Amino acid sequence: MQRCKALRQFALKLWFLIDRVLLFVYHIRALRADGTSVISFRVRRYKGPTKVLKDGCEVRSGDQIMELHLNNEWFRRRRRLDIKPSQSVREIMDCSSRDLRFLAGQMAAGVFGDIAALHGVTLLHMGARRLGFEVGELPDNLWNRGARFYMARLMEAYHLRGREVARVRQKPWELKEVWLSKSALLNRYGQKHT
């Protein structure tokens, strides 16, 4: 039992290290400089086939997109504060809405240049849909299976309920992509709507 616990602690520390290395390699940073945002991001060029979003926005290969990530340090701090898990979903949604309003203000001011859309790959697609994102399927390939495994372990490591979050689920996590055009972001979260 003690050996299993030690192995688990080692695995979690290794996961934290892998996460930090990936953040550095891919230049992913928190939306707010003080680290209080639940959203992290990186700006990159889109390399896929033309994607037509529901509002008519066309994202073409070579367009700049903002790739969204969860700020795992935000979750880690909340976990140390021992916030009640029942409050975590509401808090995550509230903080995400606040961050999207902040991002809309930054985009309206031209801080990030000419971004066509926001994009992410997530296990938390139901929450993203409530925030206004379009949710789409991803192909069932080795890369996406690996990404799902990685993200599920991150949820276990960082989520406020830790290991319990994996046991609560009846079926495996589904990895989906989410999109939100710049105009949809500004319409929903722009200054006139705050």
Protein backbone atom coordinates (compact mmCIF):
# COMPACT_ATOMS: atom_id res chain seq x y z
CA MET A 1 0.00 0.00 0.00
CA GLN A 2 2.79 2.39 0.94
CA ARG A 3 4.65 1.53 -2.25
CA CYS A 4 1.56 2.22 -4.36
CA LYS A 5 1.09 5.60 -2.67
CA ALA A 6 4.75 6.52 -3.27
CA LEU A 7 4.45 5.50 -6.94
CA ARG A 8 1.31 7.62 -7.28
CA GLN A 9 3.06 10.65 -5.74
CA PHE A 10 5.98 10.19 -8.13
CA ALA A 11 3.61 9.94 -11.12
CA LEU A 12 1.83 13.17 -10.10
CA LYS A 13 5.13 15.03 -9.71
CA LEU A 14 6.22 13.73 -13.11
CA TRP A 15 2.91 14.92 -14.62
CA PHE A 16 3.42 18.41 -13.15
CA LEU A 17 6.93 18.47 -14.64
CA ILE A 18 5.71 17.33 -18.08
CA ASP A 19 3.01 20.01 -17.97
CA ARG A 20 5.55 22.74 -17.17
CA VAL A 21 7.88 21.59 -19.95
CA LEU A 22 5.03 21.65 -22.51
CA LEU A 23 3.97 25.14 -21.39
CA PHE A 24 7.53 26.35 -21.94
CA VAL A 25 8.08 24.57 -25.27
CA TYR A 26 4.79 25.78 -26.77
CA HIS A 27 4.97 29.29 -25.23
CA ILE A 28 1.62 28.91 -23.49
CA ARG A 29 0.99 31.67 -20.98
CA ALA A 30 -1.79 32.84 -18.68
CA LEU A 31 -4.18 35.35 -20.18
CA ARG A 32 -3.58 37.78 -17.33
CA ALA A 33 0.00 38.67 -16.41
CA ASP A 34 -0.71 38.16 -12.69
CA GLY A 35 -1.72 34.53 -13.31
CA THR A 36 -5.27 34.95 -11.96
CA SER A 37 -6.93 33.82 -15.19
CA VAL A 38 -8.39 30.37 -15.66
CA ILE A 39 -7.51 30.66 -19.36
CA SER A 40 -4.05 30.32 -20.86
CA PHE A 41 -3.23 30.73 -24.54
CA ARG A 42 -0.80 30.80 -27.38
CA VAL A 43 -1.14 32.50 -30.75
CA ARG A 44 -0.28 30.38 -33.77
CA ARG A 45 -1.01 29.89 -37.45
CA TYR A 46 -3.83 27.52 -38.35
CA LYS A 47 -2.63 24.63 -40.52
CA GLY A 48 -5.79 22.64 -41.19
CA PRO A 49 -8.39 22.70 -43.95
CA THR A 50 -10.68 25.72 -44.19
CA LYS A 51 -13.07 25.70 -41.26
CA VAL A 52 -16.42 27.49 -41.68
CA LEU A 53 -17.98 28.40 -38.35
CA LYS A 54 -21.71 28.77 -37.76
CA ASP A 55 -21.54 32.56 -37.89
CA GLY A 56 -19.97 32.40 -41.37
CA CYS A 57 -16.39 33.05 -40.24
CA GLU A 58 -13.92 31.16 -42.42
CA VAL A 59 -10.65 30.11 -40.81
CA ARG A 60 -8.13 29.30 -43.55
CA SER A 61 -4.73 27.69 -43.40
CA GLY A 62 -2.24 30.41 -42.45
CA ASP A 63 -4.75 32.51 -40.47
CA GLN A 64 -3.75 33.45 -36.94
CA ILE A 65 -5.77 31.73 -34.24
CA MET A 66 -5.62 31.85 -30.47
CA GLU A 67 -5.25 28.39 -29.03
CA LEU A 68 -6.88 28.23 -25.60
CA HIS A 69 -5.77 26.11 -22.66
CA LEU A 70 -6.76 25.89 -19.02
CA ASN A 71 -4.33 27.59 -16.64
CA ASN A 72 -3.45 24.59 -14.49
CA GLU A 73 -1.68 26.77 -11.92
CA TRP A 74 -5.04 28.44 -11.24
CA PHE A 75 -6.50 25.02 -10.38
CA ARG A 76 -3.48 24.12 -8.30
CA ARG A 77 -3.84 27.29 -6.19
CA ARG A 78 -7.56 26.62 -5.69
CA ARG A 79 -6.83 23.07 -4.62
CA ARG A 80 -4.34 24.33 -2.01
CA LEU A 81 -7.02 26.71 -0.71
CA ASP A 82 -9.28 23.66 -0.26
CA ILE A 83 -12.23 25.17 -2.13
CA LYS A 84 -15.33 22.99 -2.01
CA PRO A 85 -15.61 20.88 -5.18
CA SER A 86 -19.34 21.64 -5.43
CA GLN A 87 -18.44 25.29 -6.00
CA SER A 88 -15.72 24.58 -8.53
CA VAL A 89 -17.90 24.24 -11.65
CA ARG A 90 -19.70 27.51 -10.99
CA GLU A 91 -16.43 29.24 -10.17
CA ILE A 92 -14.73 27.92 -13.32
CA MET A 93 -17.63 29.11 -15.48
CA ASP A 94 -17.71 32.54 -13.80
CA CYS A 95 -13.94 32.97 -14.12
CA SER A 96 -14.00 31.78 -17.73
CA SER A 97 -16.72 34.33 -18.58
CA ARG A 98 -14.70 37.05 -16.85
CA ASP A 99 -11.59 36.03 -18.79
CA LEU A 100 -13.49 36.01 -22.09
CA ARG A 101 -14.75 39.55 -21.38
CA PHE A 102 -11.17 40.60 -20.64
CA LEU A 103 -9.98 38.89 -23.84
CA ALA A 104 -12.72 40.60 -25.89
CA GLY A 105 -11.53 43.96 -24.56
CA GLN A 106 -7.93 43.11 -25.44
CA MET A 107 -8.91 41.99 -28.94
CA ALA A 108 -11.04 45.08 -29.51
CA ALA A 109 -8.00 47.18 -28.58
CA GLY A 110 -5.87 45.25 -31.11
CA VAL A 111 -3.53 43.71 -28.52
CA PHE A 112 -3.29 40.34 -30.26
CA GLY A 113 -3.30 41.51 -33.85
CA ASP A 114 -5.48 39.91 -36.46
CA ILE A 115 -6.87 36.77 -34.80
CA ALA A 116 -9.49 34.92 -36.86
CA ALA A 117 -10.86 32.70 -34.08
CA LEU A 118 -10.30 31.02 -30.75
CA HIS A 119 -9.68 27.28 -30.80
CA GLY A 120 -9.17 24.57 -28.22
CA VAL A 121 -9.23 20.85 -27.66
CA THR A 122 -10.89 19.88 -24.41
CA LEU A 123 -12.58 17.29 -22.26
CA LEU A 124 -14.76 20.07 -20.81
CA HIS A 125 -16.71 20.73 -24.00
CA MET A 126 -20.13 20.97 -22.29
CA GLY A 127 -18.92 23.98 -20.31
CA ALA A 128 -17.34 25.47 -23.44
CA ARG A 129 -20.67 25.13 -25.26
CA ARG A 130 -22.38 27.09 -22.46
CA LEU A 131 -19.76 29.79 -22.91
CA GLY A 132 -20.72 30.14 -26.59
CA PHE A 133 -18.16 27.90 -28.28
CA GLU A 134 -19.03 25.61 -31.17
CA VAL A 135 -18.18 22.02 -30.34
CA GLY A 136 -16.95 19.60 -32.99
CA GLU A 137 -15.84 16.00 -33.21
CA LEU A 138 -12.22 14.96 -33.57
CA PRO A 139 -11.02 11.92 -35.52
CA ASP A 140 -10.38 8.80 -33.47
CA ASN A 141 -6.66 8.48 -34.07
CA LEU A 142 -3.60 7.70 -32.00
CA TRP A 143 -2.69 11.37 -31.49
CA ASN A 144 -6.15 12.25 -30.10
CA ARG A 145 -6.23 9.14 -27.90
CA GLY A 146 -2.89 10.21 -26.44
CA ALA A 147 -4.17 13.76 -25.93
CA ARG A 148 -7.28 12.43 -24.18
CA PHE A 149 -5.14 10.28 -21.86
CA TYR A 150 -2.84 13.23 -21.11
CA MET A 151 -5.71 15.63 -20.40
CA ALA A 152 -7.58 13.11 -18.24
CA ARG A 153 -4.44 12.71 -16.11
CA LEU A 154 -4.15 16.51 -15.89
CA MET A 155 -7.76 16.64 -14.67
CA GLU A 156 -6.89 14.10 -12.01
CA ALA A 157 -3.75 16.00 -11.00
CA TYR A 158 -5.18 19.51 -10.98
CA HIS A 159 -8.95 19.25 -10.53
CA LEU A 160 -10.31 20.29 -7.15
CA ARG A 161 -11.68 16.77 -6.57
CA GLY A 162 -8.48 15.08 -7.77
CA ARG A 163 -8.75 11.30 -8.19
CA GLU A 164 -12.44 11.43 -7.33
CA VAL A 165 -13.20 13.18 -10.64
CA ALA A 166 -12.12 10.09 -12.60
CA ARG A 167 -14.25 7.75 -10.48
CA VAL A 168 -17.38 9.94 -10.78
CA ARG A 169 -17.58 9.57 -14.56
CA GLN A 170 -19.67 6.72 -15.97
CA LYS A 171 -17.97 6.70 -19.38
CA PRO A 172 -14.53 7.71 -20.69
CA TRP A 173 -13.74 11.34 -21.27
CA GLU A 174 -14.58 12.56 -24.77
CA LEU A 175 -12.05 14.86 -26.40
CA LYS A 176 -13.63 17.48 -28.67
CA GLU A 177 -12.51 20.64 -30.41
CA VAL A 178 -14.10 24.00 -29.67
CA TRP A 179 -14.20 27.13 -31.82
CA LEU A 180 -15.32 30.72 -31.30
CA SER A 181 -14.84 33.33 -34.01
CA LYS A 182 -13.41 36.70 -33.09
CA SER A 183 -16.67 38.42 -34.07
CA ALA A 184 -18.70 35.98 -31.93
CA LEU A 185 -16.35 36.68 -29.01
CA LEU A 186 -16.77 40.44 -29.42
CA ASN A 187 -20.56 40.16 -29.86
CA ARG A 188 -21.04 37.99 -26.79
CA TYR A 189 -18.35 39.33 -24.46
CA GLY A 190 -17.57 42.80 -25.82
CA GLN A 191 -17.81 45.97 -23.75
CA LYS A 192 -21.45 46.66 -24.58
CA HIS A 193 -22.38 43.29 -22.99
CA THR A 194 -20.46 43.60 -19.71
